């Protein structure tokens, strides 16, 4: 059902479902998420949920693709300063740990290899163009723009909720975050600096 055709009440119900289901999927993954818990917490029913999203998988897809768009819009790339971009990604993972968890569940349960999403759904064309332009201007090292983007994103996730080493939270002392930001900035700058 298109958002344009929703009443104000219907839009509010749809948004409650998205909010509750985002938490449910982030915590339990696709297989572990339960529609029953979502409809109870969202104060709605299964028929309404399925009318909006079609299926449990359709609900996850809507939430997951919305999370990708949020990251792109809230943390736009600046290929002339990839270190700053990495730090802004770090900060977004602190603000919205559920977004990175959703991506991890998609990787684990849907696409264990290759790109995380199909090419038609990928939102990285602008990022790749920006990196290629920064390379052409001599600001970023040579190499495949996708690989450089992947390295910077991986570095930004070093302390994310899906880290194999340490998952930071927004509740930690500001000094710890400042220390990590400084290290991240320095490491990304070194990694993407043009050879010279």
N, C-alpha and C. Protein backbone atom coordinates (compact mmCIF):
# COMPACT_ATOMS: atom_id res chain seq x y z
N UNK A 1 0.85 -1.18 0.00
CA UNK A 1 0.00 0.00 0.00
C UNK A 1 0.89 1.24 0.00
N UNK A 2 0.64 2.14 -0.90
CA UNK A 2 1.43 3.36 -1.04
C UNK A 2 1.18 4.30 0.13
N UNK A 3 2.25 4.95 0.59
CA UNK A 3 2.11 5.93 1.66
C UNK A 3 1.20 7.09 1.27
N UNK A 4 1.11 7.39 -0.02
CA UNK A 4 0.27 8.50 -0.49
C UNK A 4 -1.20 8.24 -0.22
N UNK A 5 -1.60 6.99 -0.16
CA UNK A 5 -3.01 6.64 -0.01
C UNK A 5 -3.40 6.38 1.44
N UNK A 6 -2.52 6.62 2.37
CA UNK A 6 -2.81 6.37 3.77
C UNK A 6 -3.46 7.58 4.41
N UNK A 7 -4.40 7.31 5.29
CA UNK A 7 -4.95 8.37 6.13
C UNK A 7 -3.90 8.71 7.18
N UNK A 8 -4.12 9.77 7.92
CA UNK A 8 -3.18 10.13 8.99
C UNK A 8 -3.10 9.00 10.02
N UNK A 9 -4.24 8.41 10.32
CA UNK A 9 -4.27 7.30 11.29
C UNK A 9 -3.52 6.08 10.73
N UNK A 10 -3.75 5.79 9.44
CA UNK A 10 -3.06 4.67 8.80
C UNK A 10 -1.56 4.89 8.76
N UNK A 11 -1.14 6.12 8.47
CA UNK A 11 0.30 6.44 8.44
C UNK A 11 0.91 6.28 9.83
N UNK A 12 0.17 6.67 10.85
CA UNK A 12 0.67 6.52 12.22
C UNK A 12 0.80 5.04 12.59
N UNK A 13 -0.18 4.24 12.20
CA UNK A 13 -0.11 2.80 12.46
C UNK A 13 1.07 2.17 11.73
N UNK A 14 1.22 2.53 10.46
CA UNK A 14 2.34 2.01 9.68
C UNK A 14 3.67 2.37 10.33
N UNK A 15 3.79 3.61 10.80
CA UNK A 15 5.04 4.04 11.42
C UNK A 15 5.29 3.31 12.74
N UNK A 16 4.23 3.06 13.52
CA UNK A 16 4.39 2.28 14.75
C UNK A 16 4.90 0.89 14.44
N UNK A 17 4.35 0.28 13.39
CA UNK A 17 4.81 -1.05 12.98
C UNK A 17 6.29 -1.00 12.62
N UNK A 18 6.68 -0.02 11.83
CA UNK A 18 8.09 0.10 11.42
C UNK A 18 8.99 0.29 12.64
N UNK A 19 8.60 1.15 13.55
CA UNK A 19 9.43 1.41 14.73
C UNK A 19 9.60 0.15 15.59
N UNK A 20 8.50 -0.53 15.85
CA UNK A 20 8.55 -1.75 16.67
C UNK A 20 9.31 -2.85 15.94
N UNK A 21 9.02 -3.03 14.67
CA UNK A 21 9.67 -4.09 13.90
C UNK A 21 11.16 -3.84 13.72
N UNK A 22 11.56 -2.58 13.64
CA UNK A 22 12.99 -2.27 13.57
C UNK A 22 13.70 -2.82 14.79
N UNK A 23 13.15 -2.57 15.95
CA UNK A 23 13.75 -3.10 17.19
C UNK A 23 13.72 -4.63 17.20
N UNK A 24 12.60 -5.19 16.78
CA UNK A 24 12.44 -6.65 16.77
C UNK A 24 13.45 -7.32 15.85
N UNK A 25 13.58 -6.83 14.62
CA UNK A 25 14.53 -7.41 13.68
C UNK A 25 15.97 -7.17 14.13
N UNK A 26 16.27 -5.99 14.65
CA UNK A 26 17.63 -5.69 15.10
C UNK A 26 18.04 -6.63 16.22
N UNK A 27 17.11 -6.95 17.09
CA UNK A 27 17.43 -7.82 18.23
C UNK A 27 17.43 -9.30 17.87
N UNK A 28 16.49 -9.73 17.03
CA UNK A 28 16.30 -11.16 16.81
C UNK A 28 16.64 -11.66 15.41
N UNK A 29 16.90 -10.76 14.47
CA UNK A 29 17.16 -11.19 13.10
C UNK A 29 15.86 -11.50 12.38
N UNK A 30 15.99 -11.93 11.14
CA UNK A 30 14.81 -12.21 10.32
C UNK A 30 14.12 -13.48 10.82
N UNK A 31 14.88 -14.54 10.98
CA UNK A 31 14.29 -15.82 11.41
C UNK A 31 13.73 -15.75 12.82
N UNK A 32 14.39 -15.02 13.71
CA UNK A 32 13.97 -14.98 15.11
C UNK A 32 12.89 -13.97 15.42
N UNK A 33 12.69 -13.01 14.53
CA UNK A 33 11.66 -11.99 14.77
C UNK A 33 10.28 -12.63 14.75
N UNK A 34 9.39 -12.12 15.57
CA UNK A 34 8.04 -12.66 15.65
C UNK A 34 7.02 -11.57 15.36
N UNK A 35 6.22 -11.82 14.34
CA UNK A 35 5.17 -10.88 13.95
C UNK A 35 4.19 -10.67 15.11
N UNK A 36 3.93 -11.72 15.88
CA UNK A 36 3.01 -11.59 17.02
C UNK A 36 3.49 -10.53 17.99
N UNK A 37 4.80 -10.50 18.28
CA UNK A 37 5.33 -9.49 19.21
C UNK A 37 5.21 -8.10 18.59
N UNK A 38 5.44 -8.01 17.29
CA UNK A 38 5.37 -6.71 16.61
C UNK A 38 3.96 -6.15 16.69
N UNK A 39 2.95 -6.95 16.35
CA UNK A 39 1.59 -6.41 16.31
C UNK A 39 1.09 -6.04 17.71
N UNK A 40 1.48 -6.82 18.71
CA UNK A 40 1.07 -6.49 20.08
C UNK A 40 1.71 -5.16 20.50
N UNK A 41 3.02 -5.04 20.31
CA UNK A 41 3.73 -3.83 20.73
C UNK A 41 3.31 -2.60 19.91
N UNK A 42 2.93 -2.81 18.64
CA UNK A 42 2.51 -1.71 17.78
C UNK A 42 1.01 -1.40 17.91
N UNK A 43 0.32 -2.17 18.74
CA UNK A 43 -1.11 -1.97 18.96
C UNK A 43 -1.90 -2.03 17.64
N UNK A 44 -1.64 -3.12 16.90
CA UNK A 44 -2.34 -3.32 15.63
C UNK A 44 -2.64 -4.80 15.49
N UNK A 45 -2.84 -5.28 14.27
CA UNK A 45 -3.11 -6.70 14.06
C UNK A 45 -2.36 -7.18 12.82
N UNK A 46 -2.32 -8.50 12.66
CA UNK A 46 -1.58 -9.08 11.54
C UNK A 46 -2.14 -8.65 10.19
N UNK A 47 -3.46 -8.58 10.09
CA UNK A 47 -4.07 -8.19 8.81
C UNK A 47 -3.59 -6.81 8.39
N UNK A 48 -3.51 -5.89 9.32
CA UNK A 48 -3.04 -4.53 9.01
C UNK A 48 -1.57 -4.56 8.59
N UNK A 49 -0.76 -5.30 9.34
CA UNK A 49 0.67 -5.40 9.00
C UNK A 49 0.85 -5.96 7.60
N UNK A 50 0.15 -7.05 7.30
CA UNK A 50 0.29 -7.67 5.99
C UNK A 50 -0.28 -6.80 4.88
N UNK A 51 -1.28 -5.99 5.19
CA UNK A 51 -1.82 -5.07 4.18
C UNK A 51 -0.76 -4.03 3.80
N UNK A 52 0.02 -3.60 4.77
CA UNK A 52 1.06 -2.60 4.50
C UNK A 52 2.31 -3.20 3.87
N UNK A 53 2.70 -4.40 4.31
CA UNK A 53 4.02 -4.92 3.94
C UNK A 53 4.00 -6.25 3.20
N UNK A 54 2.87 -6.92 3.15
CA UNK A 54 2.76 -8.16 2.38
C UNK A 54 3.20 -9.41 3.10
N UNK A 55 4.31 -9.33 3.82
CA UNK A 55 4.86 -10.51 4.50
C UNK A 55 5.90 -10.05 5.52
N UNK A 56 6.35 -10.98 6.32
CA UNK A 56 7.43 -10.69 7.26
C UNK A 56 8.68 -10.24 6.50
N UNK A 57 8.97 -10.91 5.40
CA UNK A 57 10.15 -10.55 4.59
C UNK A 57 9.97 -9.17 3.96
N UNK A 58 8.75 -8.86 3.53
CA UNK A 58 8.48 -7.53 2.98
C UNK A 58 8.66 -6.44 4.02
N UNK A 59 8.27 -6.74 5.26
CA UNK A 59 8.46 -5.80 6.36
C UNK A 59 9.95 -5.59 6.61
N UNK A 60 10.72 -6.68 6.66
CA UNK A 60 12.17 -6.53 6.86
C UNK A 60 12.77 -5.72 5.72
N UNK A 61 12.40 -6.03 4.49
CA UNK A 61 12.96 -5.31 3.34
C UNK A 61 12.68 -3.81 3.44
N UNK A 62 11.46 -3.45 3.80
CA UNK A 62 11.11 -2.03 3.92
C UNK A 62 11.97 -1.35 4.98
N UNK A 63 12.14 -2.02 6.10
CA UNK A 63 12.94 -1.46 7.19
C UNK A 63 14.41 -1.40 6.81
N UNK A 64 14.93 -2.48 6.24
CA UNK A 64 16.34 -2.54 5.87
C UNK A 64 16.69 -1.49 4.82
N UNK A 65 15.88 -1.38 3.78
CA UNK A 65 16.17 -0.38 2.74
C UNK A 65 16.01 1.04 3.27
N UNK A 66 15.08 1.22 4.19
CA UNK A 66 14.97 2.53 4.85
C UNK A 66 16.20 2.85 5.67
N UNK A 67 16.80 1.83 6.31
CA UNK A 67 18.01 2.07 7.10
C UNK A 67 19.19 2.43 6.20
N UNK A 68 19.27 1.81 5.03
CA UNK A 68 20.34 2.15 4.09
C UNK A 68 20.19 3.60 3.62
N UNK A 69 18.97 3.98 3.31
CA UNK A 69 18.73 5.36 2.87
C UNK A 69 19.05 6.35 3.98
N UNK A 70 18.74 5.99 5.22
CA UNK A 70 19.05 6.88 6.34
C UNK A 70 20.55 7.11 6.45
N UNK A 71 21.32 6.05 6.36
CA UNK A 71 22.79 6.20 6.46
C UNK A 71 23.30 7.10 5.35
N UNK A 72 22.82 6.90 4.13
CA UNK A 72 23.27 7.71 3.00
C UNK A 72 22.89 9.17 3.20
N UNK A 73 21.67 9.42 3.67
CA UNK A 73 21.19 10.80 3.82
C UNK A 73 21.74 11.50 5.06
N UNK A 74 21.86 10.77 6.17
CA UNK A 74 22.31 11.39 7.41
C UNK A 74 23.83 11.52 7.43
N UNK A 75 24.51 10.60 6.76
CA UNK A 75 25.98 10.62 6.76
C UNK A 75 26.46 10.65 5.31
N UNK A 76 26.25 11.77 4.62
CA UNK A 76 26.69 11.83 3.22
C UNK A 76 28.22 11.80 3.14
N UNK A 77 28.69 11.23 2.06
CA UNK A 77 30.14 11.09 1.89
C UNK A 77 30.75 12.43 1.50
N UNK A 78 31.95 12.65 1.98
CA UNK A 78 32.82 13.72 1.50
C UNK A 78 34.12 13.03 1.12
N UNK A 79 34.25 12.72 -0.15
CA UNK A 79 35.42 11.95 -0.59
C UNK A 79 36.71 12.74 -0.48
N UNK A 80 36.62 14.06 -0.30
CA UNK A 80 37.84 14.84 -0.09
C UNK A 80 38.32 14.71 1.35
N UNK A 81 37.47 14.16 2.23
CA UNK A 81 37.85 13.94 3.63
C UNK A 81 37.19 12.64 4.10
N UNK A 82 37.71 11.53 3.61
CA UNK A 82 37.15 10.22 3.98
C UNK A 82 37.33 9.93 5.45
N UNK A 83 38.34 10.51 6.08
CA UNK A 83 38.54 10.31 7.52
C UNK A 83 37.37 10.91 8.30
N UNK A 84 36.94 12.09 7.91
CA UNK A 84 35.79 12.71 8.58
C UNK A 84 34.53 11.90 8.33
N UNK A 85 34.37 11.37 7.12
CA UNK A 85 33.21 10.53 6.82
C UNK A 85 33.19 9.31 7.73
N UNK A 86 34.36 8.68 7.92
CA UNK A 86 34.44 7.50 8.80
C UNK A 86 34.03 7.85 10.23
N UNK A 87 34.45 9.01 10.71
CA UNK A 87 34.10 9.43 12.07
C UNK A 87 32.60 9.70 12.17
N UNK A 88 32.02 10.31 11.14
CA UNK A 88 30.58 10.55 11.17
C UNK A 88 29.80 9.23 11.12
N UNK A 89 30.31 8.24 10.40
CA UNK A 89 29.69 6.91 10.43
C UNK A 89 29.78 6.31 11.83
N UNK A 90 30.95 6.40 12.46
CA UNK A 90 31.13 5.92 13.83
C UNK A 90 30.06 6.54 14.74
N UNK A 91 29.87 7.85 14.62
CA UNK A 91 28.89 8.53 15.46
C UNK A 91 27.46 8.06 15.17
N UNK A 92 27.16 7.80 13.90
CA UNK A 92 25.82 7.32 13.56
C UNK A 92 25.57 5.93 14.14
N UNK A 93 26.60 5.08 14.15
CA UNK A 93 26.44 3.75 14.76
C UNK A 93 26.18 3.87 16.26
N UNK A 94 26.74 4.89 16.89
CA UNK A 94 26.45 5.11 18.31
C UNK A 94 25.00 5.57 18.50
N UNK A 95 24.54 6.45 17.62
CA UNK A 95 23.16 6.97 17.72
C UNK A 95 22.13 5.90 17.39
N UNK A 96 22.42 5.12 16.35
CA UNK A 96 21.45 4.14 15.86
C UNK A 96 22.09 2.76 15.68
N UNK A 97 22.43 2.09 16.77
CA UNK A 97 23.05 0.77 16.65
C UNK A 97 22.16 -0.24 15.94
N UNK A 98 20.84 -0.02 15.97
CA UNK A 98 19.93 -0.94 15.30
C UNK A 98 20.17 -0.99 13.80
N UNK A 99 20.62 0.11 13.20
CA UNK A 99 20.82 0.13 11.74
C UNK A 99 21.94 -0.82 11.32
N UNK A 100 23.03 -0.83 12.05
CA UNK A 100 24.14 -1.70 11.70
C UNK A 100 23.80 -3.16 12.02
N UNK A 101 22.99 -3.36 13.05
CA UNK A 101 22.54 -4.73 13.36
C UNK A 101 21.64 -5.28 12.25
N UNK A 102 20.77 -4.43 11.70
CA UNK A 102 19.92 -4.87 10.59
C UNK A 102 20.76 -5.32 9.41
N UNK A 103 21.79 -4.55 9.08
CA UNK A 103 22.67 -4.91 7.97
C UNK A 103 23.38 -6.23 8.25
N UNK A 104 23.76 -6.45 9.49
CA UNK A 104 24.45 -7.69 9.85
C UNK A 104 23.51 -8.89 9.73
N UNK A 105 22.25 -8.73 10.16
CA UNK A 105 21.30 -9.82 10.00
C UNK A 105 21.05 -10.11 8.52
N UNK A 106 20.97 -9.06 7.70
CA UNK A 106 20.80 -9.27 6.26
C UNK A 106 21.98 -10.05 5.70
N UNK A 107 23.18 -9.74 6.16
CA UNK A 107 24.38 -10.46 5.71
C UNK A 107 24.33 -11.92 6.17
N UNK A 108 24.00 -12.14 7.41
CA UNK A 108 24.00 -13.50 7.96
C UNK A 108 22.89 -14.38 7.38
N UNK A 109 21.70 -13.80 7.22
CA UNK A 109 20.55 -14.62 6.86
C UNK A 109 20.17 -14.57 5.39
N UNK A 110 20.67 -13.58 4.67
CA UNK A 110 20.23 -13.43 3.29
C UNK A 110 21.36 -13.54 2.27
N UNK A 111 22.42 -12.80 2.47
CA UNK A 111 23.47 -12.70 1.46
C UNK A 111 24.84 -12.89 2.12
N UNK A 112 25.22 -14.12 2.39
CA UNK A 112 26.48 -14.36 3.09
C UNK A 112 27.72 -14.01 2.27
N UNK A 113 27.58 -13.85 0.95
CA UNK A 113 28.73 -13.48 0.12
C UNK A 113 28.31 -12.40 -0.87
N UNK A 114 29.30 -11.75 -1.44
CA UNK A 114 29.03 -10.72 -2.45
C UNK A 114 28.48 -9.46 -1.84
N UNK A 115 27.86 -8.64 -2.68
CA UNK A 115 27.28 -7.38 -2.22
C UNK A 115 26.13 -7.65 -1.25
N UNK A 116 25.96 -6.75 -0.31
CA UNK A 116 24.91 -6.91 0.70
C UNK A 116 23.52 -6.80 0.09
N UNK A 117 23.38 -5.96 -0.93
CA UNK A 117 22.09 -5.80 -1.61
C UNK A 117 22.30 -5.90 -3.11
N UNK A 118 21.23 -6.21 -3.81
CA UNK A 118 21.28 -6.27 -5.27
C UNK A 118 21.70 -4.92 -5.82
N UNK A 119 22.32 -4.93 -7.00
CA UNK A 119 22.82 -3.69 -7.58
C UNK A 119 21.73 -2.63 -7.71
N UNK A 120 20.54 -3.04 -8.10
CA UNK A 120 19.46 -2.08 -8.31
C UNK A 120 19.10 -1.36 -7.00
N UNK A 121 19.32 -2.00 -5.85
CA UNK A 121 18.99 -1.42 -4.55
C UNK A 121 20.18 -0.75 -3.87
N UNK A 122 21.35 -0.87 -4.47
CA UNK A 122 22.53 -0.28 -3.85
C UNK A 122 22.46 1.23 -3.97
N UNK A 123 22.95 1.90 -2.94
CA UNK A 123 22.89 3.35 -2.91
C UNK A 123 24.30 3.94 -2.92
N UNK A 124 25.25 3.21 -3.49
CA UNK A 124 26.63 3.66 -3.40
C UNK A 124 27.17 4.29 -4.68
N UNK A 125 26.35 4.44 -5.72
CA UNK A 125 26.85 5.02 -6.96
C UNK A 125 27.43 6.42 -6.74
N UNK A 126 26.71 7.25 -5.98
CA UNK A 126 27.21 8.60 -5.70
C UNK A 126 28.50 8.58 -4.91
N UNK A 127 28.60 7.65 -3.96
CA UNK A 127 29.82 7.54 -3.16
C UNK A 127 30.99 7.13 -4.05
N UNK A 128 30.74 6.16 -4.93
CA UNK A 128 31.82 5.68 -5.80
C UNK A 128 32.28 6.76 -6.78
N UNK A 129 31.34 7.53 -7.29
CA UNK A 129 31.70 8.65 -8.18
C UNK A 129 32.53 9.68 -7.42
N UNK A 130 32.12 9.99 -6.20
CA UNK A 130 32.85 10.97 -5.39
C UNK A 130 34.28 10.50 -5.11
N UNK A 131 34.44 9.23 -4.81
CA UNK A 131 35.79 8.70 -4.56
C UNK A 131 36.61 8.76 -5.84
N UNK A 132 36.02 8.37 -6.96
CA UNK A 132 36.74 8.41 -8.24
C UNK A 132 37.17 9.84 -8.57
N UNK A 133 36.31 10.81 -8.31
CA UNK A 133 36.66 12.21 -8.56
C UNK A 133 37.80 12.66 -7.65
N UNK A 134 37.76 12.25 -6.38
CA UNK A 134 38.85 12.59 -5.45
C UNK A 134 40.15 11.93 -5.90
N UNK A 135 40.06 10.72 -6.43
CA UNK A 135 41.25 10.06 -6.97
C UNK A 135 41.80 10.83 -8.16
N UNK A 136 40.92 11.23 -9.07
CA UNK A 136 41.34 11.97 -10.27
C UNK A 136 42.00 13.30 -9.89
N UNK A 137 41.55 13.88 -8.77
CA UNK A 137 42.13 15.14 -8.30
C UNK A 137 43.41 14.92 -7.49
N UNK A 138 43.80 13.66 -7.31
CA UNK A 138 45.02 13.36 -6.57
C UNK A 138 44.89 13.44 -5.07
N UNK A 139 43.64 13.41 -4.56
CA UNK A 139 43.40 13.54 -3.11
C UNK A 139 43.32 12.19 -2.40
N UNK A 140 43.06 11.16 -3.19
CA UNK A 140 42.86 9.82 -2.62
C UNK A 140 43.69 8.83 -3.45
N UNK A 141 44.24 7.85 -2.78
CA UNK A 141 45.09 6.86 -3.45
C UNK A 141 44.36 6.18 -4.61
N UNK A 142 45.13 5.69 -5.53
CA UNK A 142 44.58 4.94 -6.66
C UNK A 142 44.03 3.60 -6.17
N UNK A 143 43.14 3.03 -6.94
CA UNK A 143 42.56 1.74 -6.60
C UNK A 143 41.08 1.73 -6.92
N UNK A 144 40.50 0.58 -6.80
CA UNK A 144 39.07 0.44 -7.06
C UNK A 144 38.29 1.26 -6.04
N UNK A 145 37.48 2.21 -6.49
CA UNK A 145 36.71 3.04 -5.53
C UNK A 145 35.85 2.22 -4.58
N UNK A 146 35.28 1.11 -5.07
CA UNK A 146 34.46 0.28 -4.19
C UNK A 146 35.31 -0.31 -3.06
N UNK A 147 36.51 -0.79 -3.40
CA UNK A 147 37.39 -1.36 -2.37
C UNK A 147 37.80 -0.31 -1.34
N UNK A 148 38.09 0.90 -1.80
CA UNK A 148 38.44 1.97 -0.86
C UNK A 148 37.27 2.30 0.05
N UNK A 149 36.07 2.38 -0.52
CA UNK A 149 34.89 2.63 0.28
C UNK A 149 34.70 1.52 1.32
N UNK A 150 34.88 0.28 0.89
CA UNK A 150 34.70 -0.86 1.81
C UNK A 150 35.69 -0.79 2.97
N UNK A 151 36.93 -0.41 2.69
CA UNK A 151 37.94 -0.30 3.75
C UNK A 151 37.56 0.79 4.74
N UNK A 152 37.14 1.94 4.24
CA UNK A 152 36.78 3.04 5.14
C UNK A 152 35.57 2.66 5.99
N UNK A 153 34.57 2.04 5.39
CA UNK A 153 33.39 1.62 6.16
C UNK A 153 33.79 0.58 7.21
N UNK A 154 34.62 -0.37 6.83
CA UNK A 154 35.07 -1.39 7.80
C UNK A 154 35.81 -0.75 8.97
N UNK A 155 36.65 0.23 8.67
CA UNK A 155 37.37 0.91 9.75
C UNK A 155 36.40 1.67 10.65
N UNK A 156 35.38 2.28 10.07
CA UNK A 156 34.40 3.02 10.87
C UNK A 156 33.61 2.10 11.79
N UNK A 157 33.55 0.82 11.45
CA UNK A 157 32.79 -0.16 12.23
C UNK A 157 33.63 -0.87 13.30
N UNK A 158 34.86 -0.43 13.49
CA UNK A 158 35.76 -1.13 14.42
C UNK A 158 35.17 -1.29 15.82
N UNK A 159 34.40 -0.31 16.28
CA UNK A 159 33.80 -0.36 17.62
C UNK A 159 32.28 -0.41 17.54
N UNK A 160 31.74 -0.82 16.41
CA UNK A 160 30.29 -0.82 16.22
C UNK A 160 29.64 -1.97 17.00
N UNK A 161 28.32 -2.00 17.04
CA UNK A 161 27.61 -3.06 17.75
C UNK A 161 27.89 -4.46 17.21
N UNK A 162 28.48 -4.57 16.04
CA UNK A 162 28.78 -5.89 15.47
C UNK A 162 30.28 -6.19 15.46
N UNK A 163 31.05 -5.41 16.20
CA UNK A 163 32.48 -5.64 16.27
C UNK A 163 32.78 -6.98 16.92
N UNK A 164 33.77 -7.66 16.39
CA UNK A 164 34.22 -8.92 17.00
C UNK A 164 35.15 -8.68 18.17
N UNK A 165 35.51 -7.42 18.39
CA UNK A 165 36.48 -7.09 19.43
C UNK A 165 35.83 -6.32 20.59
N UNK A 166 35.14 -5.22 20.26
CA UNK A 166 34.55 -4.38 21.30
C UNK A 166 33.41 -3.57 20.72
N UNK A 167 32.26 -3.63 21.33
CA UNK A 167 31.09 -2.85 20.88
C UNK A 167 30.91 -1.65 21.79
N UNK A 168 31.14 -0.47 21.25
CA UNK A 168 30.99 0.77 22.01
C UNK A 168 29.52 1.14 22.11
N UNK A 169 29.20 1.95 23.12
CA UNK A 169 27.84 2.48 23.26
C UNK A 169 27.93 3.98 23.49
N UNK A 170 26.83 4.64 23.24
CA UNK A 170 26.77 6.09 23.44
C UNK A 170 26.91 6.47 24.91
N UNK A 171 26.71 5.51 25.82
CA UNK A 171 26.77 5.78 27.25
C UNK A 171 28.20 5.86 27.79
N UNK A 172 29.17 5.52 27.00
CA UNK A 172 30.55 5.54 27.47
C UNK A 172 31.04 6.98 27.63
N UNK A 173 32.11 7.18 28.39
CA UNK A 173 32.64 8.54 28.58
C UNK A 173 33.03 9.19 27.25
N UNK A 174 32.80 10.48 27.17
CA UNK A 174 33.13 11.24 25.95
C UNK A 174 34.61 11.09 25.58
N UNK A 175 35.47 10.98 26.59
CA UNK A 175 36.91 10.85 26.33
C UNK A 175 37.22 9.58 25.53
N UNK A 176 36.51 8.51 25.81
CA UNK A 176 36.74 7.26 25.07
C UNK A 176 36.36 7.46 23.61
N UNK A 177 35.24 8.11 23.35
CA UNK A 177 34.83 8.35 21.97
C UNK A 177 35.78 9.30 21.26
N UNK A 178 36.23 10.33 21.96
CA UNK A 178 37.17 11.27 21.35
C UNK A 178 38.47 10.57 20.97
N UNK A 179 38.94 9.68 21.84
CA UNK A 179 40.17 8.93 21.57
C UNK A 179 39.99 8.03 20.33
N UNK A 180 38.85 7.35 20.25
CA UNK A 180 38.59 6.48 19.10
C UNK A 180 38.44 7.29 17.82
N UNK A 181 37.73 8.42 17.90
CA UNK A 181 37.58 9.27 16.72
C UNK A 181 38.94 9.72 16.19
N UNK A 182 39.82 10.13 17.10
CA UNK A 182 41.15 10.61 16.69
C UNK A 182 41.93 9.48 16.02
N UNK A 183 41.88 8.30 16.60
CA UNK A 183 42.59 7.15 16.02
C UNK A 183 42.00 6.78 14.67
N UNK A 184 40.69 6.74 14.59
CA UNK A 184 40.01 6.41 13.34
C UNK A 184 40.38 7.41 12.25
N UNK A 185 40.34 8.69 12.59
CA UNK A 185 40.68 9.74 11.63
C UNK A 185 42.11 9.55 11.11
N UNK A 186 43.04 9.30 12.02
CA UNK A 186 44.45 9.13 11.65
C UNK A 186 44.64 7.89 10.78
N UNK A 187 44.01 6.79 11.14
CA UNK A 187 44.17 5.54 10.39
C UNK A 187 43.56 5.63 9.00
N UNK A 188 42.38 6.24 8.89
CA UNK A 188 41.75 6.37 7.58
C UNK A 188 42.59 7.29 6.69
N UNK A 189 43.06 8.39 7.24
CA UNK A 189 43.90 9.30 6.44
C UNK A 189 45.11 8.56 5.88
N UNK A 190 45.74 7.76 6.74
CA UNK A 190 46.93 7.01 6.27
C UNK A 190 46.55 5.98 5.23
N UNK A 191 45.40 5.35 5.39
CA UNK A 191 45.00 4.28 4.47
C UNK A 191 44.63 4.80 3.10
N UNK A 192 44.06 6.01 3.01
CA UNK A 192 43.59 6.50 1.71
C UNK A 192 44.51 7.56 1.10
N UNK A 193 45.59 7.89 1.79
CA UNK A 193 46.50 8.93 1.26
C UNK A 193 47.10 8.50 -0.06
N UNK A 194 47.23 9.43 -0.99
CA UNK A 194 47.86 9.08 -2.28
C UNK A 194 49.30 8.64 -2.06
N UNK A 195 49.72 7.67 -2.85
CA UNK A 195 51.12 7.22 -2.76
C UNK A 195 52.02 8.37 -3.17
N UNK A 196 53.09 8.50 -2.48
CA UNK A 196 53.93 9.63 -2.84
C UNK A 196 55.26 9.47 -2.28
